[in-house]
Amino acid sequence: MSKLTLSIDRVVILRAKRYAKRRGASVSRLVEEYLNVVSQPAGEEDMPPVLKMAMGVLKDVGAEPREYRKHIERKYR
């Protein structure tokens, strides 16, 4: 396991610690899980159903499914 130093706003850290405690996890574990999810290449087989449905609509407007996935991830954080 490697170490990583991050600079994060104090208020965000406090909220993250409370969130982690409620879930019985460490902040390190939450960050690791988050980074694991967002660093995976987006393949159609692991896309949420709503994204799969939207892909047909997005073809006509030239949008990339990857960009829509990022939008949905940001929207529902």
N, C-alpha and C. Protein backbone atom coordinates (compact mmCIF):
# COMPACT_ATOMS: atom_id res chain seq x y z
N MET A 1 0.85 -1.18 0.00
CA MET A 1 0.00 0.00 0.00
C MET A 1 0.90 1.23 0.00
N SER A 2 0.59 2.19 -0.86
CA SER A 2 1.34 3.43 -0.95
C SER A 2 0.61 4.54 -0.22
N LYS A 3 1.36 5.56 0.14
CA LYS A 3 0.77 6.73 0.81
C LYS A 3 0.63 7.85 -0.21
N LEU A 4 -0.34 8.71 0.04
CA LEU A 4 -0.62 9.85 -0.83
C LEU A 4 -0.96 11.04 0.07
N THR A 5 -0.36 12.17 -0.19
CA THR A 5 -0.65 13.38 0.57
C THR A 5 -1.56 14.27 -0.27
N LEU A 6 -2.67 14.69 0.32
CA LEU A 6 -3.63 15.56 -0.36
C LEU A 6 -3.81 16.85 0.41
N SER A 7 -4.07 17.92 -0.28
CA SER A 7 -4.41 19.20 0.35
C SER A 7 -5.91 19.40 0.16
N ILE A 8 -6.65 19.35 1.27
CA ILE A 8 -8.10 19.42 1.22
C ILE A 8 -8.58 20.42 2.26
N ASP A 9 -9.60 21.18 1.90
CA ASP A 9 -10.18 22.16 2.80
C ASP A 9 -10.58 21.50 4.12
N ARG A 10 -10.34 22.17 5.22
CA ARG A 10 -10.59 21.65 6.57
C ARG A 10 -12.05 21.24 6.75
N VAL A 11 -12.97 22.02 6.26
CA VAL A 11 -14.40 21.72 6.40
C VAL A 11 -14.74 20.43 5.64
N VAL A 12 -14.16 20.26 4.48
CA VAL A 12 -14.40 19.05 3.69
C VAL A 12 -13.88 17.84 4.45
N ILE A 13 -12.72 17.97 5.06
CA ILE A 13 -12.13 16.87 5.83
C ILE A 13 -13.05 16.49 6.99
N LEU A 14 -13.55 17.47 7.70
CA LEU A 14 -14.45 17.18 8.83
C LEU A 14 -15.71 16.47 8.36
N ARG A 15 -16.30 16.93 7.26
CA ARG A 15 -17.50 16.26 6.73
C ARG A 15 -17.17 14.85 6.28
N ALA A 16 -16.02 14.67 5.65
CA ALA A 16 -15.61 13.34 5.18
C ALA A 16 -15.41 12.39 6.35
N LYS A 17 -14.84 12.88 7.43
CA LYS A 17 -14.64 12.03 8.62
C LYS A 17 -15.98 11.60 9.21
N ARG A 18 -16.93 12.52 9.29
CA ARG A 18 -18.26 12.17 9.81
C ARG A 18 -18.94 11.14 8.90
N TYR A 19 -18.84 11.38 7.60
CA TYR A 19 -19.43 10.47 6.62
C TYR A 19 -18.82 9.07 6.75
N ALA A 20 -17.50 9.01 6.84
CA ALA A 20 -16.80 7.73 6.95
C ALA A 20 -17.19 7.02 8.25
N LYS A 21 -17.27 7.75 9.32
CA LYS A 21 -17.62 7.15 10.62
C LYS A 21 -19.01 6.53 10.57
N ARG A 22 -19.97 7.24 9.97
CA ARG A 22 -21.33 6.71 9.86
C ARG A 22 -21.37 5.40 9.08
N ARG A 23 -20.43 5.24 8.17
CA ARG A 23 -20.40 4.04 7.33
C ARG A 23 -19.41 2.99 7.82
N GLY A 24 -18.76 3.26 8.95
CA GLY A 24 -17.82 2.31 9.50
C GLY A 24 -16.58 2.11 8.65
N ALA A 25 -16.13 3.19 8.01
CA ALA A 25 -14.96 3.13 7.13
C ALA A 25 -14.01 4.26 7.49
N SER A 26 -12.84 4.22 6.91
CA SER A 26 -11.89 5.31 7.08
C SER A 26 -11.99 6.25 5.88
N VAL A 27 -11.52 7.46 6.07
CA VAL A 27 -11.49 8.41 4.96
C VAL A 27 -10.57 7.86 3.86
N SER A 28 -9.47 7.26 4.25
CA SER A 28 -8.56 6.66 3.27
C SER A 28 -9.27 5.63 2.41
N ARG A 29 -10.08 4.79 3.05
CA ARG A 29 -10.81 3.76 2.31
C ARG A 29 -11.81 4.39 1.35
N LEU A 30 -12.51 5.43 1.79
CA LEU A 30 -13.47 6.12 0.92
C LEU A 30 -12.78 6.72 -0.29
N VAL A 31 -11.64 7.36 -0.06
CA VAL A 31 -10.89 7.98 -1.16
C VAL A 31 -10.41 6.90 -2.12
N GLU A 32 -9.91 5.80 -1.58
CA GLU A 32 -9.44 4.70 -2.43
C GLU A 32 -10.57 4.15 -3.30
N GLU A 33 -11.73 3.93 -2.69
CA GLU A 33 -12.87 3.41 -3.45
C GLU A 33 -13.32 4.40 -4.52
N TYR A 34 -13.35 5.68 -4.18
CA TYR A 34 -13.74 6.71 -5.15
C TYR A 34 -12.76 6.74 -6.32
N LEU A 35 -11.48 6.77 -6.01
CA LEU A 35 -10.48 6.82 -7.08
C LEU A 35 -10.52 5.56 -7.93
N ASN A 36 -10.81 4.43 -7.32
CA ASN A 36 -10.92 3.19 -8.08
C ASN A 36 -12.07 3.27 -9.07
N VAL A 37 -13.20 3.81 -8.63
CA VAL A 37 -14.36 3.92 -9.51
C VAL A 37 -14.12 4.90 -10.65
N VAL A 38 -13.63 6.08 -10.34
CA VAL A 38 -13.49 7.09 -11.39
C VAL A 38 -12.31 6.84 -12.32
N SER A 39 -11.38 5.99 -11.92
CA SER A 39 -10.22 5.74 -12.78
C SER A 39 -10.43 4.54 -13.71
N GLN A 40 -11.55 3.84 -13.56
CA GLN A 40 -11.84 2.71 -14.45
C GLN A 40 -12.27 3.23 -15.81
N PRO A 41 -11.80 2.59 -16.86
CA PRO A 41 -12.28 2.98 -18.19
C PRO A 41 -13.77 2.67 -18.30
N ALA A 42 -14.50 3.57 -18.91
CA ALA A 42 -15.94 3.38 -19.04
C ALA A 42 -16.22 2.42 -20.19
N GLY A 43 -16.79 1.30 -19.85
CA GLY A 43 -17.21 0.34 -20.86
C GLY A 43 -18.72 0.25 -20.82
N GLU A 44 -19.31 -0.08 -21.93
CA GLU A 44 -20.77 -0.12 -22.00
C GLU A 44 -21.36 -1.12 -21.01
N GLU A 45 -20.65 -2.23 -20.75
CA GLU A 45 -21.18 -3.25 -19.87
C GLU A 45 -21.31 -2.79 -18.41
N ASP A 46 -20.53 -1.79 -17.99
CA ASP A 46 -20.63 -1.33 -16.61
C ASP A 46 -21.30 0.03 -16.49
N MET A 47 -21.96 0.47 -17.55
CA MET A 47 -22.66 1.75 -17.51
C MET A 47 -24.01 1.59 -16.83
N PRO A 48 -24.43 2.61 -16.10
CA PRO A 48 -25.77 2.58 -15.52
C PRO A 48 -26.82 2.51 -16.63
N PRO A 49 -27.97 1.89 -16.37
CA PRO A 49 -29.00 1.77 -17.41
C PRO A 49 -29.41 3.10 -18.03
N VAL A 50 -29.49 4.14 -17.21
CA VAL A 50 -29.90 5.44 -17.75
C VAL A 50 -28.89 5.95 -18.77
N LEU A 51 -27.62 5.66 -18.56
CA LEU A 51 -26.59 6.09 -19.51
C LEU A 51 -26.69 5.28 -20.79
N LYS A 52 -26.96 3.99 -20.68
CA LYS A 52 -27.12 3.16 -21.88
C LYS A 52 -28.28 3.68 -22.73
N MET A 53 -29.39 4.05 -22.06
CA MET A 53 -30.54 4.57 -22.79
C MET A 53 -30.20 5.89 -23.47
N ALA A 54 -29.43 6.72 -22.78
CA ALA A 54 -29.10 8.04 -23.31
C ALA A 54 -28.12 7.97 -24.47
N MET A 55 -27.39 6.89 -24.58
CA MET A 55 -26.38 6.80 -25.64
C MET A 55 -26.99 6.97 -27.02
N GLY A 56 -28.16 6.39 -27.24
CA GLY A 56 -28.81 6.54 -28.53
C GLY A 56 -29.16 7.99 -28.82
N VAL A 57 -29.60 8.70 -27.82
CA VAL A 57 -29.94 10.12 -27.97
C VAL A 57 -28.67 10.93 -28.21
N LEU A 58 -27.62 10.59 -27.50
CA LEU A 58 -26.38 11.35 -27.60
C LEU A 58 -25.71 11.20 -28.95
N LYS A 59 -25.92 10.08 -29.65
CA LYS A 59 -25.30 9.89 -30.96
C LYS A 59 -25.71 11.01 -31.92
N ASP A 60 -26.98 11.39 -31.85
CA ASP A 60 -27.49 12.42 -32.76
C ASP A 60 -26.91 13.81 -32.49
N VAL A 61 -26.50 14.07 -31.27
CA VAL A 61 -25.98 15.40 -30.95
C VAL A 61 -24.45 15.41 -30.90
N GLY A 62 -23.83 14.26 -31.10
CA GLY A 62 -22.37 14.19 -31.14
C GLY A 62 -21.69 14.19 -29.79
N ALA A 63 -22.44 14.00 -28.71
CA ALA A 63 -21.84 13.99 -27.38
C ALA A 63 -21.19 12.63 -27.12
N GLU A 64 -20.14 12.64 -26.35
CA GLU A 64 -19.44 11.41 -25.98
C GLU A 64 -20.10 10.80 -24.76
N PRO A 65 -20.36 9.49 -24.76
CA PRO A 65 -20.92 8.84 -23.56
C PRO A 65 -20.07 9.06 -22.32
N ARG A 66 -18.77 9.12 -22.51
CA ARG A 66 -17.85 9.36 -21.40
C ARG A 66 -18.14 10.71 -20.74
N GLU A 67 -18.41 11.72 -21.55
CA GLU A 67 -18.71 13.05 -21.01
C GLU A 67 -20.04 13.05 -20.25
N TYR A 68 -21.03 12.32 -20.78
CA TYR A 68 -22.32 12.25 -20.08
C TYR A 68 -22.15 11.52 -18.76
N ARG A 69 -21.34 10.48 -18.74
CA ARG A 69 -21.09 9.74 -17.49
C ARG A 69 -20.46 10.67 -16.45
N LYS A 70 -19.49 11.49 -16.87
CA LYS A 70 -18.87 12.44 -15.95
C LYS A 70 -19.92 13.42 -15.42
N HIS A 71 -20.78 13.88 -16.30
CA HIS A 71 -21.85 14.80 -15.90
C HIS A 71 -22.75 14.17 -14.84
N ILE A 72 -23.16 12.92 -15.06
CA ILE A 72 -24.03 12.22 -14.11
C ILE A 72 -23.31 11.99 -12.78
N GLU A 73 -22.03 11.62 -12.83
CA GLU A 73 -21.27 11.40 -11.60
C GLU A 73 -21.17 12.69 -10.79
N ARG A 74 -20.93 13.82 -11.47
CA ARG A 74 -20.86 15.10 -10.75
C ARG A 74 -22.22 15.50 -10.19
N LYS A 75 -23.25 15.28 -10.99
CA LYS A 75 -24.60 15.68 -10.59
C LYS A 75 -25.09 14.94 -9.35
N TYR A 76 -24.77 13.67 -9.23
CA TYR A 76 -25.32 12.86 -8.14
C TYR A 76 -24.31 12.54 -7.05
N ARG A 77 -23.31 13.36 -6.87
CA ARG A 77 -22.35 13.18 -5.76
C ARG A 77 -23.02 13.45 -4.45
